[in-house]
């Protein structure tokens, strides 16, 4: 059974940083392309960063340079370092396979709120 447990979210001021973590089970973060997604209030979920099985990384263009995705293959975890946060980064953040659909299993996500 595939499960994800996201953590690390919280309330942060604009310009601040957060590091999100995702503990995965039932799926290998080394063998699969993994991704972080986010769902802002009232909007659809979008993919923001992915790390491919070979280690290459891709980002939503607007986030390039501010967000960094990484993985710990020994702990089977995926992380997202977020810097220079803006109000527009407020969302619930999820991790999953990079090919996940709405019909796949999703974790509870972790809330990130950027507010002054």
Protein backbone atom coordinates (compact mmCIF):
# COMPACT_ATOMS: atom_id res chain seq x y z
CA UNK A 1 0.00 0.00 0.00
CA UNK A 2 1.43 3.33 -1.05
CA UNK A 3 1.38 6.02 1.62
CA UNK A 4 2.82 9.50 1.99
CA UNK A 5 3.17 11.55 5.15
CA UNK A 6 4.02 15.19 4.56
CA UNK A 7 5.35 17.50 7.24
CA UNK A 8 7.19 20.76 7.78
CA UNK A 9 4.55 23.27 6.80
CA UNK A 10 3.54 26.24 8.89
CA UNK A 11 3.05 29.97 9.04
CA UNK A 12 5.91 32.04 7.66
CA UNK A 13 6.40 35.68 6.75
CA UNK A 14 7.05 36.75 3.16
CA UNK A 15 10.69 36.20 2.34
CA UNK A 16 10.98 33.34 4.78
CA UNK A 17 11.92 29.73 4.23
CA UNK A 18 10.49 26.32 4.99
CA UNK A 19 11.68 22.79 4.40
CA UNK A 20 9.01 20.23 3.71
CA UNK A 21 9.53 16.52 4.17
CA UNK A 22 7.66 13.51 2.85
CA UNK A 23 7.99 10.01 4.22
CA UNK A 24 7.02 7.50 1.56
CA UNK A 25 6.10 3.86 2.04
CA UNK A 26 5.09 1.25 -0.50
CA UNK A 27 7.01 3.07 -3.22
CA UNK A 28 10.72 3.58 -3.77
CA UNK A 29 11.76 7.23 -4.10
CA UNK A 30 14.93 6.02 -5.79
CA UNK A 31 13.25 3.91 -8.45
CA UNK A 32 10.41 6.33 -9.23
CA UNK A 33 10.17 9.91 -10.35
CA UNK A 34 8.76 11.78 -7.40
CA UNK A 35 7.17 15.18 -7.15
CA UNK A 36 5.84 17.86 -4.88
CA UNK A 37 2.46 19.31 -5.69
CA UNK A 38 0.49 22.15 -4.19
CA UNK A 39 -3.12 23.20 -4.09
CA UNK A 40 -3.76 26.87 -3.34
CA UNK A 41 -7.12 27.81 -1.81
CA UNK A 42 -9.88 27.44 -4.36
CA UNK A 43 -7.55 26.21 -7.09
CA UNK A 44 -6.55 22.91 -8.61
CA UNK A 45 -3.53 20.94 -7.54
CA UNK A 46 -0.40 21.60 -9.59
CA UNK A 47 2.99 19.97 -9.83
CA UNK A 48 5.71 22.32 -8.56
CA UNK A 49 8.86 20.21 -8.56
CA UNK A 50 9.94 16.74 -9.60
CA UNK A 51 13.02 14.64 -9.17
CA UNK A 52 13.43 11.90 -11.72
CA UNK A 53 14.68 8.42 -10.92
CA UNK A 54 18.03 9.32 -12.42
CA UNK A 55 18.30 12.36 -10.16
CA UNK A 56 17.55 15.17 -12.60
CA UNK A 57 15.15 17.84 -11.40
CA UNK A 58 12.46 19.99 -12.95
CA UNK A 59 10.53 22.91 -11.55
CA UNK A 60 7.54 25.04 -12.33
CA UNK A 61 9.12 27.93 -14.22
CA UNK A 62 7.90 30.55 -11.75
CA UNK A 63 9.54 28.70 -8.86
CA UNK A 64 12.90 28.01 -10.42
CA UNK A 65 15.69 29.29 -8.20
CA UNK A 66 13.54 29.48 -5.06
CA UNK A 67 12.53 25.84 -4.54
CA UNK A 68 14.83 22.83 -4.40
CA UNK A 69 13.64 19.24 -4.41
CA UNK A 70 15.82 16.48 -3.03
CA UNK A 71 15.50 12.91 -1.89
CA UNK A 72 17.01 10.63 0.73
CA UNK A 73 17.03 7.18 -0.80
CA UNK A 74 18.08 5.53 2.47
CA UNK A 75 15.23 7.04 4.47
CA UNK A 76 12.90 6.83 1.45
CA UNK A 77 12.00 10.49 1.83
CA UNK A 78 11.55 13.46 -0.44
CA UNK A 79 12.18 17.05 0.64
CA UNK A 80 11.33 20.48 -0.68
CA UNK A 81 13.38 23.46 0.40
CA UNK A 82 11.42 26.65 -0.20
CA UNK A 83 13.12 30.04 0.01
CA UNK A 84 11.98 33.62 -0.55
CA UNK A 85 8.39 32.62 0.02
CA UNK A 86 5.63 34.87 -1.27
CA UNK A 87 1.93 35.17 -0.52
CA UNK A 88 1.26 33.19 -3.71
CA UNK A 89 3.04 30.18 -2.25
CA UNK A 90 0.24 29.68 0.28
CA UNK A 91 -1.19 26.22 -0.37
CA UNK A 92 -1.44 22.68 0.86
CA UNK A 93 1.64 20.82 -0.32
CA UNK A 94 1.64 17.13 -1.20
CA UNK A 95 4.21 14.67 -2.42
CA UNK A 96 3.54 11.73 -4.69
CA UNK A 97 4.79 9.96 -7.75
CA UNK A 98 5.40 12.38 -10.61
CA UNK A 99 2.77 10.48 -12.60
CA UNK A 100 0.12 10.47 -9.89
CA UNK A 101 -3.48 11.22 -10.78
CA UNK A 102 -6.47 12.16 -8.68
CA UNK A 103 -7.34 8.47 -8.51
CA UNK A 104 -4.09 7.55 -6.77
CA UNK A 105 -3.52 7.51 -3.04
CA UNK A 106 -2.61 10.91 -1.56
CA UNK A 107 -1.44 11.94 1.86
CA UNK A 108 -2.99 14.62 4.04
CA UNK A 109 -0.57 17.21 2.79
CA UNK A 110 1.06 19.96 4.82
CA UNK A 111 -0.30 23.50 5.00
CA UNK A 112 2.02 26.35 4.09
CA UNK A 113 0.72 29.81 4.89
CA UNK A 114 2.71 32.87 3.93
CA UNK A 115 1.42 35.94 5.67
CA UNK A 116 2.71 39.10 7.28
